[in-house]
């Protein structure tokens, strides 16, 4: 089985992302920071409140139940010259899809690699998107059951207003228990599920927020690696960010000109915009009875029906910074405002929107990090790899029309002339029997009736054989079809890459916590092709 798949539209990659991976023009012009050593030296000249950052990170990660390795990594940020590598994701229910763990483990390996290369401390920090308010994206996860059917498990008690996920509390005991029960019943029982389900029960509890529950689970799953988790929705973080939010408002004219110019350049280069904003967007949100965008309205600002002058808005930020948060284009700059960010790892969608925010860093006198793609991987279990070999199915075929794959396999597996062969057989039997009957009747005319009865029995037996043959063909066809569909659901679920949909629990329930170590060891963080990782030789301890 080939283990590398080239980037392409069939994998959901945009033209911009494909060109980014190839480091070709015009894409690379939108990502000016390219040398990690140069960025590291630029970061040395920026003043960061390292002691405050360490204090916040220690508090957050202790609340998640982090281990000593994580706490030790946090302390490294106190050292002058220390830098950080980032990736992140929403706080998705029950740990979300595999790509979240892929990002987390990539940070671990990247930090170790860069620390050795640059000879300075590099800290792996996972940004939990606690300011994000899209409940419908974070409240569910896709799980494969024992029959490899796709089952969506969700927590359906939505908040009364549109809140950041760091403020969305699991408040409904019955609904949370129902979601956990459905999750466990879908995954089933194994020798590994006891410990895993206890971890789920201890991390997802009534009273936890979506972020705190997710953080506890991630801390538990990555304890041996020292991953640092960060929630930007923390009130202390927002107080540290007051000046940043105010500068967004103070620099509205040039910020708008910069983003408009960048967007035009992206479109003129033949790419699409990952993020489209109205001309009135300020790139700032205000949590006013729910997270709402702050919009420009002439020389004033508007939040829903509330109109504020520039001075009034600046004073409100000063008074309640915890109510403000950046949008998708200013968030990367916000990250670099808080931390010495050396590198940001992202997937196709993230790399696309980072192209739109690159020029904003200069407005805040901050060095842009080096943007790197995160690795992409599909884990192929032993029985599925065996099936791909048996039926000669390539991974690329699974990304296309699955019915064409089924038809192709059926054509190869079963004779397409079975019906014609039966017709020939019946004709030969009838012809041979007619010749025999003619000779027999000539010998003894009394044999005519008996011979016709005999042929009727032969014809019935042949038709019965034909019927059974085609029934067997149909049954085998359905069996093969079902097997191929199970393969498809496992490797290309929801018509997309496995990493984007399948919950991490599918593999942990079958292979134990050791699967995470397997992921860590097998993923090549510098490979730009999609990796097919065979589990044929996987062994549990």
Protein backbone atom coordinates (compact mmCIF):
# COMPACT_ATOMS: atom_id res chain seq x y z
CA UNK A 1 0.00 0.00 0.00
CA UNK A 2 1.54 3.35 -1.04
CA UNK A 3 1.95 5.50 2.07
CA UNK A 4 2.02 9.01 0.59
CA UNK A 5 -0.76 10.77 -1.29
CA UNK A 6 0.00 13.99 -3.17
CA UNK A 7 -1.89 17.15 -2.17
CA UNK A 8 -4.89 17.83 -4.40
CA UNK A 9 -8.44 19.01 -4.78
CA UNK A 10 -9.68 15.46 -4.11
CA UNK A 11 -8.36 15.84 -0.55
CA UNK A 12 -10.21 19.12 -0.07
CA UNK A 13 -7.19 21.32 -0.70
CA UNK A 14 -7.57 24.77 -2.23
CA UNK A 15 -5.28 26.11 -4.97
CA UNK A 16 -3.72 28.46 -2.43
CA UNK A 17 -2.91 25.63 -0.04
CA UNK A 18 -1.48 23.44 -2.80
CA UNK A 19 0.78 26.30 -3.93
CA UNK A 20 1.71 27.01 -0.29
CA UNK A 21 2.85 23.41 0.16
CA UNK A 22 4.87 23.65 -3.04
CA UNK A 23 6.36 26.96 -1.84
CA UNK A 24 5.53 28.46 -5.20
CA UNK A 25 4.48 31.90 -6.33
CA UNK A 26 2.21 33.72 -5.96
CA UNK A 27 1.15 31.93 -2.75
CA UNK A 28 4.45 32.35 -0.91
CA UNK A 29 4.22 36.15 -1.24
CA UNK A 30 1.43 36.12 1.34
CA UNK A 31 3.63 34.42 3.93
CA UNK A 32 6.72 36.67 4.21
CA UNK A 33 8.24 35.08 7.35
CA UNK A 34 10.29 32.13 6.14
CA UNK A 35 13.44 31.84 8.27
CA UNK A 36 12.90 30.49 11.78
CA UNK A 37 16.24 31.80 12.99
CA UNK A 38 15.47 35.32 11.77
CA UNK A 39 12.04 35.31 13.43
CA UNK A 40 13.54 34.05 16.68
CA UNK A 41 15.99 36.97 16.75
CA UNK A 42 13.20 39.46 16.04
CA UNK A 43 11.22 38.04 18.94
CA UNK A 44 14.18 38.72 21.24
CA UNK A 45 13.60 42.45 20.80
CA UNK A 46 9.89 42.33 21.73
CA UNK A 47 8.88 42.80 25.36
CA UNK A 48 6.51 40.16 26.67
CA UNK A 49 5.08 39.95 30.16
CA UNK A 50 6.61 36.51 30.60
CA UNK A 51 6.01 36.23 34.33
CA UNK A 52 2.31 37.04 33.88
CA UNK A 53 2.00 34.60 30.98
CA UNK A 54 3.62 31.86 33.03
CA UNK A 55 1.30 32.61 35.93
CA UNK A 56 -1.78 32.39 33.69
CA UNK A 57 -0.61 29.20 31.97
CA UNK A 58 0.21 27.51 35.27
CA UNK A 59 -3.21 28.38 36.67
CA UNK A 60 -5.04 27.17 33.56
CA UNK A 61 -3.09 23.96 33.12
CA UNK A 62 -3.27 23.03 36.80
CA UNK A 63 -7.04 23.43 36.55
CA UNK A 64 -6.94 20.98 33.62
CA UNK A 65 -4.97 18.50 35.73
CA UNK A 66 -1.71 18.84 33.78
CA UNK A 67 1.32 16.75 34.70
CA UNK A 68 4.79 17.84 35.76
CA UNK A 69 6.17 17.75 32.23
CA UNK A 70 3.63 20.34 31.12
CA UNK A 71 4.27 22.57 34.14
CA UNK A 72 8.00 22.34 33.48
CA UNK A 73 7.47 23.40 29.87
CA UNK A 74 5.47 26.41 31.02
CA UNK A 75 8.30 27.54 33.29
CA UNK A 76 10.61 27.61 30.26
CA UNK A 77 8.77 30.71 29.05
CA UNK A 78 10.38 32.65 31.90
CA UNK A 79 13.75 32.28 30.20
CA UNK A 80 14.82 35.19 27.97
CA UNK A 81 15.02 33.98 24.40
CA UNK A 82 12.42 31.25 24.88
CA UNK A 83 9.81 31.04 22.12
CA UNK A 84 6.64 29.09 21.41
CA UNK A 85 5.14 27.03 18.61
CA UNK A 86 1.37 27.11 18.24
CA UNK A 87 -1.56 25.29 16.77
CA UNK A 88 -5.13 25.14 17.95
CA UNK A 89 -8.75 24.19 17.51
CA UNK A 90 -12.20 24.62 18.97
CA UNK A 91 -13.14 22.78 22.15
CA UNK A 92 -15.02 20.02 20.33
CA UNK A 93 -17.15 17.51 22.26
CA UNK A 94 -15.25 14.48 23.65
CA UNK A 95 -11.95 15.59 22.14
CA UNK A 96 -13.23 15.98 18.59
CA UNK A 97 -11.71 14.57 15.40
CA UNK A 98 -8.25 13.07 14.97
CA UNK A 99 -6.77 16.26 13.53
CA UNK A 100 -6.85 17.81 17.02
CA UNK A 101 -4.52 15.15 18.38
CA UNK A 102 -2.42 15.31 15.20
CA UNK A 103 -1.95 19.05 15.81
CA UNK A 104 -1.13 18.51 19.49
CA UNK A 105 1.48 15.82 18.81
CA UNK A 106 2.93 17.87 15.96
CA UNK A 107 3.58 20.71 18.41
CA UNK A 108 5.35 18.33 20.79
CA UNK A 109 7.67 17.00 18.10
CA UNK A 110 8.17 20.42 16.50
CA UNK A 111 9.15 22.04 19.81
CA UNK A 112 11.75 19.36 20.48
CA UNK A 113 13.13 19.59 16.94
CA UNK A 114 13.34 23.41 16.91
CA UNK A 115 14.77 23.62 20.40
CA UNK A 116 17.69 21.49 19.29
CA UNK A 117 18.08 23.36 16.01
CA UNK A 118 17.94 26.89 17.46
CA UNK A 119 19.55 26.07 20.81
CA UNK A 120 16.89 27.88 22.80
CA UNK A 121 13.78 26.75 24.74
CA UNK A 122 10.76 26.15 22.49
CA UNK A 123 7.41 25.59 24.20
CA UNK A 124 4.51 23.69 22.52
CA UNK A 125 1.24 25.56 23.15
CA UNK A 126 -2.19 24.45 21.96
CA UNK A 127 -4.60 27.37 21.60
CA UNK A 128 -8.09 26.26 22.65
CA UNK A 129 -10.38 28.61 20.74
CA UNK A 130 -12.30 29.64 23.84
CA UNK A 131 -13.49 32.90 22.28
CA UNK A 132 -15.23 31.06 19.46
CA UNK A 133 -19.00 31.17 19.77
CA UNK A 134 -20.10 28.64 17.15
CA UNK A 135 -21.95 26.16 19.38
CA UNK A 136 -23.11 24.08 16.40
CA UNK A 137 -19.53 23.30 15.42
CA UNK A 138 -18.33 22.36 18.90
CA UNK A 139 -21.31 20.49 20.37
CA UNK A 140 -20.94 17.24 18.43
CA UNK A 141 -18.48 14.63 17.25
CA UNK A 142 -18.57 11.79 14.73
CA UNK A 143 -18.01 8.26 15.98
CA UNK A 144 -17.70 4.99 14.07
CA UNK A 145 -19.52 2.04 15.62
CA UNK A 146 -18.56 -1.63 15.43
CA UNK A 147 -20.13 -1.86 11.96
CA UNK A 148 -18.15 1.22 10.84
CA UNK A 149 -21.32 3.24 10.56
CA UNK A 150 -21.02 6.99 11.05
CA UNK A 151 -22.86 8.10 14.19
CA UNK A 152 -23.05 11.74 15.29
CA UNK A 153 -23.03 12.20 19.07
CA UNK A 154 -24.06 15.63 20.30
CA UNK A 155 -24.89 17.67 23.38
CA UNK A 156 -28.02 19.55 22.37
CA UNK A 157 -28.71 21.96 25.23
CA UNK A 158 -27.64 25.21 23.65
CA UNK A 159 -27.02 28.35 25.72
CA UNK A 160 -29.76 30.95 25.83
CA UNK A 161 -27.51 33.42 24.00
CA UNK A 162 -24.51 33.20 21.69
CA UNK A 163 -21.65 32.80 24.16
CA UNK A 164 -17.95 32.03 23.70
CA UNK A 165 -17.35 28.33 24.31
CA UNK A 166 -15.24 29.23 27.34
CA UNK A 167 -18.51 30.41 28.91
CA UNK A 168 -20.85 27.67 27.65
CA UNK A 169 -21.55 25.45 30.65
CA UNK A 170 -22.68 21.83 30.54
CA UNK A 171 -25.76 22.57 32.62
CA UNK A 172 -28.17 19.78 31.66
CA UNK A 173 -27.33 16.61 33.61
CA UNK A 174 -29.77 14.43 31.70
CA UNK A 175 -28.57 15.63 28.29
CA UNK A 176 -24.87 15.27 29.15
CA UNK A 177 -25.45 11.75 30.50
CA UNK A 178 -27.43 10.89 27.36
CA UNK A 179 -24.57 12.10 25.15
CA UNK A 180 -21.98 10.14 27.16
CA UNK A 181 -24.15 7.00 27.09
CA UNK A 182 -24.63 7.27 23.32
CA UNK A 183 -20.88 7.81 22.88
CA UNK A 184 -20.02 4.70 24.92
CA UNK A 185 -22.71 2.52 23.33
CA UNK A 186 -21.55 3.52 19.86
CA UNK A 187 -17.93 2.65 20.59
CA UNK A 188 -18.86 -0.51 22.50
CA UNK A 189 -16.83 -2.36 25.12
CA UNK A 190 -13.27 -3.64 24.94
CA UNK A 191 -10.34 -4.31 27.24
CA UNK A 192 -9.39 -0.64 26.85
CA UNK A 193 -12.70 1.14 27.29
CA UNK A 194 -12.90 0.98 31.09
CA UNK A 195 -10.06 3.43 31.67
CA UNK A 196 -11.05 5.57 28.70
CA UNK A 197 -14.69 5.89 29.75
CA UNK A 198 -13.61 6.78 33.28
CA UNK A 199 -11.52 9.59 31.79
CA UNK A 200 -14.51 10.82 29.76
CA UNK A 201 -16.75 10.73 32.86
CA UNK A 202 -14.22 12.58 35.01
CA UNK A 203 -13.57 15.34 32.46
CA UNK A 204 -17.06 15.98 31.07
CA UNK A 205 -19.13 16.88 34.10
CA UNK A 206 -22.06 19.16 34.80
CA UNK A 207 -20.71 22.58 35.74
CA UNK A 208 -17.72 22.35 33.40
CA UNK A 209 -17.55 24.62 30.39
CA UNK A 210 -16.94 23.26 26.90
CA UNK A 211 -13.37 24.56 27.20
CA UNK A 212 -12.60 23.26 30.69
CA UNK A 213 -13.93 19.78 29.88
CA UNK A 214 -11.99 19.67 26.61
CA UNK A 215 -8.86 20.93 28.38
CA UNK A 216 -9.08 18.25 31.06
CA UNK A 217 -9.48 15.52 28.47
CA UNK A 218 -6.57 16.78 26.36
CA UNK A 219 -4.38 17.14 29.44
CA UNK A 220 -5.18 13.55 30.37
CA UNK A 221 -4.48 12.19 26.90
CA UNK A 222 -1.18 14.07 26.40
CA UNK A 223 0.22 14.04 29.96
CA UNK A 224 3.38 12.14 29.03
CA UNK A 225 4.29 14.62 26.30
CA UNK A 226 4.09 17.92 28.17
CA UNK A 227 1.64 19.75 25.91
CA UNK A 228 0.72 23.22 27.18
CA UNK A 229 -2.93 24.24 26.77
CA UNK A 230 -4.11 27.84 26.57
CA UNK A 231 -7.59 29.34 26.85
CA UNK A 232 -7.71 32.94 25.57
CA UNK A 233 -11.16 33.40 27.07
CA UNK A 234 -9.61 33.85 30.52
CA UNK A 235 -10.42 37.21 32.15
CA UNK A 236 -6.76 37.69 33.15
CA UNK A 237 -5.72 37.19 29.54
CA UNK A 238 -8.17 39.85 28.43
CA UNK A 239 -6.87 42.35 31.00
CA UNK A 240 -3.40 41.72 29.63
CA UNK A 241 -4.80 42.45 26.15
CA UNK A 242 -6.55 45.77 26.78
CA UNK A 243 -4.07 47.80 24.74
CA UNK A 244 -4.29 45.35 21.86
CA UNK A 245 -8.08 45.69 21.60
CA UNK A 246 -7.82 49.46 21.82
CA UNK A 247 -5.23 49.56 19.04
CA UNK A 248 -7.59 47.61 16.80
CA UNK A 249 -10.11 50.43 17.19
CA UNK A 250 -7.52 53.23 16.97
CA UNK A 251 -6.06 51.81 13.74
CA UNK A 252 -9.35 51.18 11.97
CA UNK A 253 -8.58 53.16 8.82
CA UNK A 254 -5.20 51.60 8.13
CA UNK A 255 -6.41 48.18 9.27
CA UNK A 256 -9.25 48.34 6.77
CA UNK A 257 -6.93 49.54 3.99
CA UNK A 258 -4.42 46.78 4.75
CA UNK A 259 -6.95 43.93 4.77
CA UNK A 260 -8.68 45.26 1.64
CA UNK A 261 -5.38 45.48 -0.23
CA UNK A 262 -4.35 41.97 0.83
CA UNK A 263 -7.73 40.53 -0.13
CA UNK A 264 -7.54 42.16 -3.56
CA UNK A 265 -4.05 40.74 -4.12
CA UNK A 266 -5.24 37.26 -3.15
CA UNK A 267 -8.16 37.44 -5.57
CA UNK A 268 -5.98 38.86 -8.36
CA UNK A 269 -3.64 35.90 -7.85
CA UNK A 270 -6.48 33.55 -8.73
CA UNK A 271 -7.21 32.36 -5.21
CA UNK A 272 -10.40 32.56 -3.16
CA UNK A 273 -10.87 34.32 0.17
CA UNK A 274 -11.19 31.93 3.09
CA UNK A 275 -12.77 34.68 5.18
CA UNK A 276 -15.03 37.38 3.80
CA UNK A 277 -15.82 40.40 5.95
CA UNK A 278 -18.11 43.36 5.34
CA UNK A 279 -16.61 46.82 4.85
CA UNK A 280 -17.99 47.78 8.26
CA UNK A 281 -16.13 45.03 10.13
CA UNK A 282 -13.75 46.26 12.85
CA UNK A 283 -12.28 42.75 13.41
CA UNK A 284 -13.33 42.89 17.05
CA UNK A 285 -16.16 41.20 18.98
CA UNK A 286 -17.99 42.48 22.03
CA UNK A 287 -19.79 40.10 24.39
CA UNK A 288 -22.93 42.15 24.88
CA UNK A 289 -25.69 39.73 25.80
CA UNK A 290 -23.93 37.27 23.51
CA UNK A 291 -20.81 37.60 21.35
CA UNK A 292 -21.52 40.27 18.74
CA UNK A 293 -19.34 41.90 16.08
CA UNK A 294 -18.34 45.53 16.57
CA UNK A 295 -19.15 47.37 13.33
CA UNK A 296 -18.04 50.74 11.98
CA UNK A 297 -20.85 53.20 11.42
CA UNK A 298 -19.32 56.35 9.92
CA UNK A 299 -17.11 57.83 12.63
CA UNK A 300 -18.93 55.85 15.29
CA UNK A 301 -19.25 52.18 16.21
CA UNK A 302 -22.23 49.92 16.50
CA UNK A 303 -22.93 46.71 18.42
CA UNK A 304 -26.39 45.46 17.45
CA UNK A 305 -28.52 48.55 18.31
CA UNK A 306 -25.96 50.17 20.60
CA UNK A 307 -24.05 53.08 19.06
CA UNK A 308 -20.80 54.27 20.65
CA UNK A 309 -18.30 56.97 19.84
CA UNK A 310 -14.66 56.02 19.46
CA UNK A 311 -13.85 57.40 22.91
CA UNK A 312 -16.77 55.58 24.48
CA UNK A 313 -15.70 52.30 22.92
CA UNK A 314 -12.08 52.74 24.03
CA UNK A 315 -13.25 53.46 27.58
CA UNK A 316 -15.49 50.40 27.51
CA UNK A 317 -12.52 48.26 26.48
CA UNK A 318 -10.51 49.77 29.33
CA UNK A 319 -13.32 49.06 31.78
CA UNK A 320 -14.33 45.53 30.66
CA UNK A 321 -11.60 43.99 28.45
CA UNK A 322 -12.90 40.51 29.31
CA UNK A 323 -15.93 41.22 27.10
CA UNK A 324 -13.84 41.75 23.97
CA UNK A 325 -12.17 39.30 21.61
CA UNK A 326 -10.51 39.36 18.16
CA UNK A 327 -12.06 37.96 15.02
CA UNK A 328 -10.50 35.33 12.78
CA UNK A 329 -8.16 37.80 11.03
CA UNK A 330 -6.86 39.59 14.11
CA UNK A 331 -6.65 36.43 16.25
CA UNK A 332 -3.22 35.36 14.87
CA UNK A 333 -1.87 38.84 15.67
CA UNK A 334 -3.46 38.66 19.13
CA UNK A 335 -1.59 35.41 19.67
CA UNK A 336 1.72 37.08 18.79
CA UNK A 337 0.84 40.08 20.96
CA UNK A 338 0.63 37.77 23.96
CA UNK A 339 3.35 35.23 23.19
CA UNK A 340 6.73 35.03 21.43
CA UNK A 341 5.32 32.94 18.57
CA UNK A 342 8.03 31.40 16.43
CA UNK A 343 5.84 29.16 14.30
CA UNK A 344 2.16 28.45 13.67
CA UNK A 345 1.09 25.04 12.37
CA UNK A 346 -2.13 24.97 10.37
CA UNK A 347 -4.27 22.93 8.04
CA UNK A 348 -5.75 23.94 4.66
CA UNK A 349 -8.40 26.34 5.98
CA UNK A 350 -6.08 27.94 8.54
CA UNK A 351 -3.24 28.48 6.09
CA UNK A 352 -5.73 30.11 3.72
CA UNK A 353 -7.00 32.67 6.23
CA UNK A 354 -3.49 33.31 7.57
CA UNK A 355 -2.65 34.64 4.11
CA UNK A 356 -5.24 37.35 4.74
CA UNK A 357 -3.84 38.37 8.13
CA UNK A 358 -0.10 38.40 7.38
CA UNK A 359 0.14 42.11 6.62
CA UNK A 360 -1.64 43.08 9.86
CA UNK A 361 1.39 42.20 12.00
CA UNK A 362 3.27 45.28 10.82
CA UNK A 363 0.49 47.53 12.12
CA UNK A 364 1.21 46.25 15.61
CA UNK A 365 5.01 46.21 15.21
CA UNK A 366 5.08 42.46 15.72
CA UNK A 367 7.13 39.87 13.83
CA UNK A 368 4.90 37.44 11.94
CA UNK A 369 5.61 33.78 12.75
CA UNK A 370 6.69 31.23 10.18
CA UNK A 371 3.58 29.45 8.96
CA UNK A 372 3.97 25.73 8.47
CA UNK A 373 1.49 23.10 7.37
CA UNK A 374 0.45 20.54 9.91
CA UNK A 375 0.91 16.92 8.83
CA UNK A 376 -2.12 15.12 7.47
CA UNK A 377 -2.69 11.42 8.08
CA UNK A 378 -5.10 8.53 7.72
CA UNK A 379 -4.68 5.50 9.97
CA UNK A 380 -5.39 2.26 8.14
CA UNK A 381 -6.34 -0.66 10.35
CA UNK A 382 -5.06 -4.13 9.49
CA UNK A 383 -8.34 -5.54 8.13
CA UNK A 384 -8.91 -2.48 5.97
CA UNK A 385 -5.41 -2.58 4.55
CA UNK A 386 -5.94 -6.28 3.75
CA UNK A 387 -9.21 -5.38 1.99
CA UNK A 388 -7.52 -2.66 -0.09
CA UNK A 389 -4.91 -5.18 -1.22
CA UNK A 390 -7.46 -7.94 -1.88
CA UNK A 391 -9.69 -5.74 -4.03
CA UNK A 392 -6.84 -3.62 -5.44
CA UNK A 393 -8.45 -0.39 -4.18
CA UNK A 394 -6.27 2.71 -3.92
CA UNK A 395 -6.88 5.48 -1.39
CA UNK A 396 -7.35 7.96 -4.23
CA UNK A 397 -10.27 5.89 -5.55
CA UNK A 398 -12.02 6.21 -2.17
CA UNK A 399 -11.95 9.99 -2.50
CA UNK A 400 -14.05 9.80 -5.66
CA UNK A 401 -17.35 8.11 -6.55
CA UNK A 402 -17.66 5.11 -4.24
CA UNK A 403 -20.18 3.41 -6.54
CA UNK A 404 -17.58 3.39 -9.30
CA UNK A 405 -15.23 1.63 -6.88
CA UNK A 406 -17.92 -0.95 -6.06
CA UNK A 407 -18.72 -1.54 -9.73
CA UNK A 408 -15.05 -1.86 -10.61
CA UNK A 409 -14.47 -4.45 -7.91
CA UNK A 410 -17.62 -6.37 -8.85
CA UNK A 411 -16.55 -6.47 -12.50
CA UNK A 412 -13.19 -7.90 -11.50
CA UNK A 413 -14.63 -10.29 -8.93
CA UNK A 414 -17.51 -11.96 -10.79
CA UNK A 415 -17.94 -13.24 -14.40
CA UNK A 416 -19.90 -10.75 -16.46
CA UNK A 417 -21.04 -13.48 -18.93
CA UNK A 418 -22.72 -15.75 -16.38
CA UNK A 419 -26.20 -15.26 -17.87
CA UNK A 420 -24.97 -15.88 -21.43
CA UNK A 421 -23.12 -19.02 -20.34
CA UNK A 422 -26.28 -20.39 -18.74
CA UNK A 423 -28.26 -19.76 -21.92
CA UNK A 424 -25.63 -21.62 -23.94
CA UNK A 425 -25.66 -24.48 -21.45
CA UNK A 426 -29.46 -24.82 -21.64
CA UNK A 427 -29.35 -24.74 -25.43
CA UNK A 428 -26.68 -27.46 -25.55
CA UNK A 429 -28.61 -29.62 -23.08
CA UNK A 430 -31.87 -29.13 -25.00
CA UNK A 431 -30.20 -29.88 -28.30
CA UNK A 432 -28.47 -32.97 -26.94
CA UNK A 433 -31.64 -34.20 -25.26
CA UNK A 434 -33.72 -33.67 -28.42
CA UNK A 435 -31.25 -35.80 -30.41
CA UNK A 436 -31.36 -38.50 -27.74
CA UNK A 437 -35.19 -38.35 -27.52
CA UNK A 438 -35.53 -38.72 -31.31
CA UNK A 439 -33.38 -41.86 -31.28
CA UNK A 440 -35.20 -43.26 -28.23
CA UNK A 441 -38.67 -42.67 -29.73
CA UNK A 442 -37.54 -44.26 -32.98
CA UNK A 443 -36.46 -47.26 -30.95
CA UNK A 444 -39.62 -47.29 -28.79
CA UNK A 445 -42.42 -44.71 -29.41
CA UNK A 446 -43.78 -45.41 -25.90
CA UNK A 447 -40.80 -43.48 -24.47
CA UNK A 448 -42.07 -40.13 -25.84
CA UNK A 449 -44.18 -39.10 -22.83
CA UNK A 450 -41.56 -40.29 -20.34
CA UNK A 451 -38.75 -38.50 -22.20
CA UNK A 452 -40.73 -35.23 -22.19
CA UNK A 453 -41.35 -35.59 -18.45
CA UNK A 454 -37.65 -36.26 -17.93
CA UNK A 455 -36.66 -33.17 -19.89
CA UNK A 456 -39.13 -31.11 -17.84
CA UNK A 457 -37.32 -32.25 -14.70
CA UNK A 458 -33.92 -31.47 -16.24
CA UNK A 459 -35.13 -28.02 -17.36
CA UNK A 460 -36.53 -27.33 -13.87
CA UNK A 461 -33.25 -28.41 -12.26
CA UNK A 462 -31.27 -26.16 -14.63
CA UNK A 463 -33.51 -23.18 -13.90
CA UNK A 464 -33.20 -23.89 -10.18
CA UNK A 465 -29.41 -24.03 -10.52
CA UNK A 466 -29.45 -20.79 -12.48
CA UNK A 467 -31.61 -19.11 -9.83
CA UNK A 468 -29.33 -20.28 -7.01
CA UNK A 469 -26.23 -19.18 -8.90
CA UNK A 470 -27.60 -15.69 -9.42
CA UNK A 471 -28.84 -15.52 -5.82
CA UNK A 472 -25.35 -16.43 -4.65
CA UNK A 473 -23.90 -13.83 -7.03
CA UNK A 474 -26.27 -11.21 -5.64
CA UNK A 475 -25.45 -12.13 -2.03
CA UNK A 476 -21.73 -12.00 -2.68
CA UNK A 477 -22.19 -8.71 -4.49
CA UNK A 478 -24.02 -7.25 -1.49
CA UNK A 479 -21.36 -8.59 0.88
CA UNK A 480 -18.62 -7.02 -1.21
CA UNK A 481 -20.57 -3.78 -1.48
CA UNK A 482 -21.02 -3.66 2.31
CA UNK A 483 -17.34 -4.32 2.91
CA UNK A 484 -16.29 -1.57 0.50
CA UNK A 485 -18.69 0.88 2.11
CA UNK A 486 -17.25 0.03 5.55
CA UNK A 487 -13.79 0.71 4.14
CA UNK A 488 -15.02 4.02 2.74
CA UNK A 489 -16.61 5.08 6.03
CA UNK A 490 -13.40 4.24 7.89
CA UNK A 491 -10.93 5.97 5.58
CA UNK A 492 -12.98 8.73 3.92
CA UNK A 493 -15.92 9.33 6.28
CA UNK A 494 -18.46 12.03 5.63
CA UNK A 495 -16.90 12.35 2.14
CA UNK A 496 -13.73 13.78 3.65
CA UNK A 497 -10.45 12.83 5.26
CA UNK A 498 -10.65 10.59 8.32
CA UNK A 499 -8.73 13.13 10.42
CA UNK A 500 -11.44 15.76 9.91
CA UNK A 501 -14.31 13.64 11.19
CA UNK A 502 -13.50 10.52 13.20
CA UNK A 503 -13.35 10.99 16.96
CA UNK A 504 -10.13 9.95 18.70
CA UNK A 505 -12.17 7.59 20.89
CA UNK A 506 -12.73 5.21 17.97
CA UNK A 507 -9.06 4.24 18.04
CA UNK A 508 -8.51 4.49 21.80
CA UNK A 509 -11.45 2.16 22.46
CA UNK A 510 -9.95 -0.43 20.10
CA UNK A 511 -6.23 -0.01 20.74
CA UNK A 512 -5.88 1.71 24.10
CA UNK A 513 -4.04 4.87 25.13
CA UNK A 514 -0.93 3.43 23.47
CA UNK A 515 -2.48 4.51 20.18
CA UNK A 516 -1.57 8.12 20.99
CA UNK A 517 2.07 7.14 21.43
CA UNK A 518 1.79 5.26 18.13
CA UNK A 519 0.51 8.44 16.48
CA UNK A 520 3.36 10.43 17.97
CA UNK A 521 5.97 7.99 16.71
CA UNK A 522 4.52 7.39 13.25
CA UNK A 523 3.57 10.87 12.04
CA UNK A 524 6.24 12.68 10.04
CA UNK A 525 5.67 16.32 11.00
CA UNK A 526 7.66 17.64 8.04
CA UNK A 527 5.92 15.60 5.35
CA UNK A 528 3.65 17.68 3.09
CA UNK A 529 1.97 14.73 1.40
CA UNK A 530 -1.00 13.04 3.05
CA UNK A 531 0.32 10.07 5.04
CA UNK A 532 -1.34 6.65 5.03
CA UNK A 533 -0.18 5.06 8.26
CA UNK A 534 -0.50 1.28 8.36
CA UNK A 535 -1.61 -0.33 11.61
CA UNK A 536 -0.91 -3.85 10.38
CA UNK A 537 2.06 -4.22 12.72
CA UNK A 538 0.49 -2.27 15.60
CA UNK A 539 0.90 -4.07 18.90
CA UNK A 540 -0.59 -3.11 22.24
CA UNK A 541 1.37 -3.55 25.43
